Protein backbone atom coordinates (compact mmCIF):
# COMPACT_ATOMS: atom_id res chain seq x y z
CA UNK A 1 0.00 0.00 0.00
CA UNK A 2 1.47 3.39 -0.93
CA UNK A 3 2.19 5.69 1.98
CA UNK A 4 0.45 9.04 2.26
CA UNK A 5 2.85 11.75 1.22
CA UNK A 6 3.10 14.93 3.25
CA UNK A 7 2.46 18.11 1.31
CA UNK A 8 5.66 19.51 -0.16
CA UNK A 9 6.48 23.09 0.61
CA UNK A 10 6.68 25.60 -2.19
CA UNK A 11 9.90 27.44 -2.93
CA UNK A 12 8.66 30.30 -0.76
CA UNK A 13 8.52 27.93 2.25
CA UNK A 14 4.75 27.76 2.49
CA UNK A 15 2.70 24.62 1.91
CA UNK A 16 0.64 24.52 -1.28
CA UNK A 17 -2.95 25.67 -1.23
CA UNK A 18 -5.53 23.08 -0.22
CA UNK A 19 -6.88 21.06 -3.10
CA UNK A 20 -10.64 20.78 -3.50
CA UNK A 21 -12.56 17.53 -3.12
CA UNK A 22 -15.99 17.18 -4.66
CA UNK A 23 -18.45 14.61 -3.33
CA UNK A 24 -21.89 13.86 -4.66
CA UNK A 25 -24.49 13.24 -1.97
CA UNK A 26 -28.19 12.60 -1.93
CA UNK A 27 -30.30 15.34 -0.31
CA UNK A 28 -30.80 13.43 2.95
CA UNK A 29 -27.06 12.79 3.44
CA UNK A 30 -26.24 16.41 2.68
CA UNK A 31 -28.86 17.57 5.18
CA UNK A 32 -27.35 15.35 7.89
CA UNK A 33 -23.89 16.74 7.19
CA UNK A 34 -25.20 20.29 7.36
CA UNK A 35 -27.04 19.57 10.62
CA UNK A 36 -23.99 17.89 12.19
CA UNK A 37 -21.78 20.80 11.12
CA UNK A 38 -24.24 23.26 12.61
CA UNK A 39 -24.24 21.36 15.92
CA UNK A 40 -20.45 21.79 16.08
CA UNK A 41 -20.69 25.37 14.81
CA UNK A 42 -18.51 24.53 11.81
CA UNK A 43 -18.87 24.94 8.09
CA UNK A 44 -19.79 21.75 6.25
CA UNK A 45 -16.30 21.69 4.71
CA UNK A 46 -14.64 22.02 8.12
CA UNK A 47 -16.94 19.36 9.59
CA UNK A 48 -16.18 16.88 6.79
CA UNK A 49 -12.46 17.61 7.15
CA UNK A 50 -12.44 17.18 10.96
CA UNK A 51 -14.35 13.90 10.78
CA UNK A 52 -13.03 12.19 7.66
CA UNK A 53 -9.32 12.97 7.77
CA UNK A 54 -8.72 11.49 11.26
CA UNK A 55 -10.83 8.46 10.33
CA UNK A 56 -8.84 7.99 7.12
CA UNK A 57 -5.59 8.22 9.10
CA UNK A 58 -6.81 5.55 11.56
CA UNK A 59 -7.78 3.24 8.70
CA UNK A 60 -4.45 3.69 6.93
CA UNK A 61 -2.53 3.02 10.15
CA UNK A 62 -4.67 -0.04 10.88
CA UNK A 63 -4.00 -1.37 7.39
CA UNK A 64 -0.26 -0.82 7.87
CA UNK A 65 -0.38 -2.87 11.08
CA UNK A 66 -2.77 -5.41 9.55
CA UNK A 67 -5.37 -4.84 12.24
CA UNK A 68 -9.09 -4.33 11.95
CA UNK A 69 -10.70 -1.60 13.98
CA UNK A 70 -14.41 -1.95 14.65
CA UNK A 71 -16.80 0.47 16.31
CA UNK A 72 -18.79 -0.78 19.31
CA UNK A 73 -21.80 -1.48 17.06
CA UNK A 74 -19.61 -3.31 14.54
CA UNK A 75 -18.02 -5.36 17.33
CA UNK A 76 -21.44 -6.40 18.59
CA UNK A 77 -22.65 -7.31 15.10
CA UNK A 78 -19.48 -9.35 14.51
CA UNK A 79 -19.87 -11.15 17.86
CA UNK A 80 -23.53 -11.91 17.15
CA UNK A 81 -22.64 -13.26 13.72
CA UNK A 82 -20.02 -15.55 15.25
CA UNK A 83 -22.46 -16.80 17.88
CA UNK A 84 -25.39 -17.41 15.50
CA UNK A 85 -26.08 -21.00 14.50
CA UNK A 86 -25.24 -21.29 10.81
CA UNK A 87 -28.03 -22.30 8.46
CA UNK A 88 -26.87 -24.85 5.94
CA UNK A 89 -27.90 -24.49 2.34
CA UNK A 90 -29.49 -27.49 0.61
CA UNK A 91 -26.22 -28.02 -1.29
CA UNK A 92 -24.27 -28.12 1.98
CA UNK A 93 -26.73 -30.62 3.47
CA UNK A 94 -26.41 -32.79 0.37
CA UNK A 95 -22.63 -32.67 0.56
CA UNK A 96 -22.75 -33.66 4.24
CA UNK A 97 -24.94 -36.62 3.42
CA UNK A 98 -22.56 -37.71 0.63
CA UNK A 99 -19.55 -37.39 2.94
CA UNK A 100 -21.27 -39.51 5.59
CA UNK A 101 -22.02 -42.15 2.93
CA UNK A 102 -25.78 -41.72 3.18
CA UNK A 103 -26.18 -40.96 -0.54
C-alpha atoms as a PDB file:
ATOM      1  CA  UNK A   1       0.000   0.000   0.000  1.00  0.00           C
ATOM      2  CA  UNK A   2       1.467   3.386  -0.928  1.00  0.00           C
ATOM      3  CA  UNK A   3       2.194   5.693   1.982  1.00  0.00           C
ATOM      4  CA  UNK A   4       0.454   9.035   2.262  1.00  0.00           C
ATOM      5  CA  UNK A   5       2.848  11.754   1.220  1.00  0.00           C
ATOM      6  CA  UNK A   6       3.104  14.932   3.247  1.00  0.00           C
ATOM      7  CA  UNK A   7       2.460  18.113   1.309  1.00  0.00           C
ATOM      8  CA  UNK A   8       5.661  19.511  -0.162  1.00  0.00           C
ATOM      9  CA  UNK A   9       6.478  23.095   0.610  1.00  0.00           C
ATOM     10  CA  UNK A  10       6.678  25.598  -2.192  1.00  0.00           C
ATOM     11  CA  UNK A  11       9.899  27.440  -2.933  1.00  0.00           C
ATOM     12  CA  UNK A  12       8.664  30.304  -0.762  1.00  0.00           C
ATOM     13  CA  UNK A  13       8.524  27.928   2.248  1.00  0.00           C
ATOM     14  CA  UNK A  14       4.752  27.764   2.490  1.00  0.00           C
ATOM     15  CA  UNK A  15       2.702  24.617   1.913  1.00  0.00           C
ATOM     16  CA  UNK A  16       0.642  24.522  -1.280  1.00  0.00           C
ATOM     17  CA  UNK A  17      -2.952  25.669  -1.228  1.00  0.00           C
ATOM     18  CA  UNK A  18      -5.528  23.085  -0.221  1.00  0.00           C
ATOM     19  CA  UNK A  19      -6.876  21.063  -3.095  1.00  0.00           C
ATOM     20  CA  UNK A  20     -10.642  20.779  -3.502  1.00  0.00           C
ATOM     21  CA  UNK A  21     -12.562  17.526  -3.123  1.00  0.00           C
ATOM     22  CA  UNK A  22     -15.995  17.176  -4.660  1.00  0.00           C
ATOM     23  CA  UNK A  23     -18.445  14.610  -3.327  1.00  0.00           C
ATOM     24  CA  UNK A  24     -21.893  13.859  -4.664  1.00  0.00           C
ATOM     25  CA  UNK A  25     -24.492  13.245  -1.965  1.00  0.00           C
ATOM     26  CA  UNK A  26     -28.192  12.605  -1.933  1.00  0.00           C
ATOM     27  CA  UNK A  27     -30.296  15.338  -0.312  1.00  0.00           C
ATOM     28  CA  UNK A  28     -30.798  13.431   2.954  1.00  0.00           C
ATOM     29  CA  UNK A  29     -27.057  12.786   3.440  1.00  0.00           C
ATOM     30  CA  UNK A  30     -26.239  16.414   2.681  1.00  0.00           C
ATOM     31  CA  UNK A  31     -28.865  17.566   5.179  1.00  0.00           C
ATOM     32  CA  UNK A  32     -27.354  15.352   7.895  1.00  0.00           C
ATOM     33  CA  UNK A  33     -23.888  16.744   7.193  1.00  0.00           C
ATOM     34  CA  UNK A  34     -25.204  20.285   7.362  1.00  0.00           C
ATOM     35  CA  UNK A  35     -27.037  19.570  10.618  1.00  0.00           C
ATOM     36  CA  UNK A  36     -23.989  17.893  12.193  1.00  0.00           C
ATOM     37  CA  UNK A  37     -21.782  20.803  11.119  1.00  0.00           C
ATOM     38  CA  UNK A  38     -24.239  23.256  12.614  1.00  0.00           C
ATOM     39  CA  UNK A  39     -24.240  21.356  15.916  1.00  0.00           C
ATOM     40  CA  UNK A  40     -20.455  21.794  16.082  1.00  0.00           C
ATOM     41  CA  UNK A  41     -20.691  25.372  14.810  1.00  0.00           C
ATOM     42  CA  UNK A  42     -18.514  24.526  11.808  1.00  0.00           C
ATOM     43  CA  UNK A  43     -18.873  24.944   8.091  1.00  0.00           C
ATOM     44  CA  UNK A  44     -19.793  21.755   6.250  1.00  0.00           C
ATOM     45  CA  UNK A  45     -16.301  21.694   4.714  1.00  0.00           C
ATOM     46  CA  UNK A  46     -14.644  22.018   8.122  1.00  0.00           C
ATOM     47  CA  UNK A  47     -16.938  19.363   9.586  1.00  0.00           C
ATOM     48  CA  UNK A  48     -16.180  16.880   6.792  1.00  0.00           C
ATOM     49  CA  UNK A  49     -12.464  17.611   7.151  1.00  0.00           C
ATOM     50  CA  UNK A  50     -12.436  17.181  10.956  1.00  0.00           C
ATOM     51  CA  UNK A  51     -14.353  13.901  10.782  1.00  0.00           C
ATOM     52  CA  UNK A  52     -13.034  12.187   7.661  1.00  0.00           C
ATOM     53  CA  UNK A  53      -9.319  12.972   7.768  1.00  0.00           C
ATOM     54  CA  UNK A  54      -8.719  11.492  11.258  1.00  0.00           C
ATOM     55  CA  UNK A  55     -10.832   8.459  10.327  1.00  0.00           C
ATOM     56  CA  UNK A  56      -8.839   7.990   7.117  1.00  0.00           C
ATOM     57  CA  UNK A  57      -5.587   8.216   9.104  1.00  0.00           C
ATOM     58  CA  UNK A  58      -6.814   5.546  11.556  1.00  0.00           C
ATOM     59  CA  UNK A  59      -7.784   3.244   8.699  1.00  0.00           C
ATOM     60  CA  UNK A  60      -4.454   3.689   6.928  1.00  0.00           C
ATOM     61  CA  UNK A  61      -2.527   3.016  10.150  1.00  0.00           C
ATOM     62  CA  UNK A  62      -4.675  -0.042  10.876  1.00  0.00           C
ATOM     63  CA  UNK A  63      -4.000  -1.367   7.388  1.00  0.00           C
ATOM     64  CA  UNK A  64      -0.263  -0.821   7.869  1.00  0.00           C
ATOM     65  CA  UNK A  65      -0.381  -2.867  11.077  1.00  0.00           C
ATOM     66  CA  UNK A  66      -2.771  -5.409   9.549  1.00  0.00           C
ATOM     67  CA  UNK A  67      -5.366  -4.843  12.236  1.00  0.00           C
ATOM     68  CA  UNK A  68      -9.085  -4.334  11.948  1.00  0.00           C
ATOM     69  CA  UNK A  69     -10.699  -1.597  13.981  1.00  0.00           C
ATOM     70  CA  UNK A  70     -14.414  -1.945  14.647  1.00  0.00           C
ATOM     71  CA  UNK A  71     -16.796   0.472  16.309  1.00  0.00           C
ATOM     72  CA  UNK A  72     -18.786  -0.778  19.308  1.00  0.00           C
ATOM     73  CA  UNK A  73     -21.801  -1.477  17.065  1.00  0.00           C
ATOM     74  CA  UNK A  74     -19.615  -3.310  14.540  1.00  0.00           C
ATOM     75  CA  UNK A  75     -18.016  -5.361  17.329  1.00  0.00           C
ATOM     76  CA  UNK A  76     -21.442  -6.403  18.593  1.00  0.00           C
ATOM     77  CA  UNK A  77     -22.649  -7.310  15.096  1.00  0.00           C
ATOM     78  CA  UNK A  78     -19.481  -9.352  14.510  1.00  0.00           C
ATOM     79  CA  UNK A  79     -19.867 -11.150  17.856  1.00  0.00           C
ATOM     80  CA  UNK A  80     -23.527 -11.914  17.154  1.00  0.00           C
ATOM     81  CA  UNK A  81     -22.644 -13.262  13.719  1.00  0.00           C
ATOM     82  CA  UNK A  82     -20.023 -15.550  15.254  1.00  0.00           C
ATOM     83  CA  UNK A  83     -22.462 -16.804  17.879  1.00  0.00           C
ATOM     84  CA  UNK A  84     -25.385 -17.414  15.504  1.00  0.00           C
ATOM     85  CA  UNK A  85     -26.079 -20.998  14.505  1.00  0.00           C
ATOM     86  CA  UNK A  86     -25.236 -21.291  10.812  1.00  0.00           C
ATOM     87  CA  UNK A  87     -28.025 -22.300   8.462  1.00  0.00           C
ATOM     88  CA  UNK A  88     -26.869 -24.854   5.940  1.00  0.00           C
ATOM     89  CA  UNK A  89     -27.901 -24.494   2.335  1.00  0.00           C
ATOM     90  CA  UNK A  90     -29.489 -27.491   0.609  1.00  0.00           C
ATOM     91  CA  UNK A  91     -26.223 -28.021  -1.294  1.00  0.00           C
ATOM     92  CA  UNK A  92     -24.266 -28.122   1.980  1.00  0.00           C
ATOM     93  CA  UNK A  93     -26.734 -30.618   3.469  1.00  0.00           C
ATOM     94  CA  UNK A  94     -26.408 -32.786   0.365  1.00  0.00           C
ATOM     95  CA  UNK A  95     -22.626 -32.667   0.563  1.00  0.00           C
ATOM     96  CA  UNK A  96     -22.748 -33.657   4.241  1.00  0.00           C
ATOM     97  CA  UNK A  97     -24.939 -36.623   3.419  1.00  0.00           C
ATOM     98  CA  UNK A  98     -22.561 -37.705   0.627  1.00  0.00           C
ATOM     99  CA  UNK A  99     -19.549 -37.387   2.938  1.00  0.00           C
ATOM    100  CA  UNK A 100     -21.266 -39.505   5.594  1.00  0.00           C
ATOM    101  CA  UNK A 101     -22.023 -42.150   2.933  1.00  0.00           C
ATOM    102  CA  UNK A 102     -25.782 -41.719   3.182  1.00  0.00           C
ATOM    103  CA  UNK A 103     -26.180 -40.963  -0.540  1.00  0.00           C
END
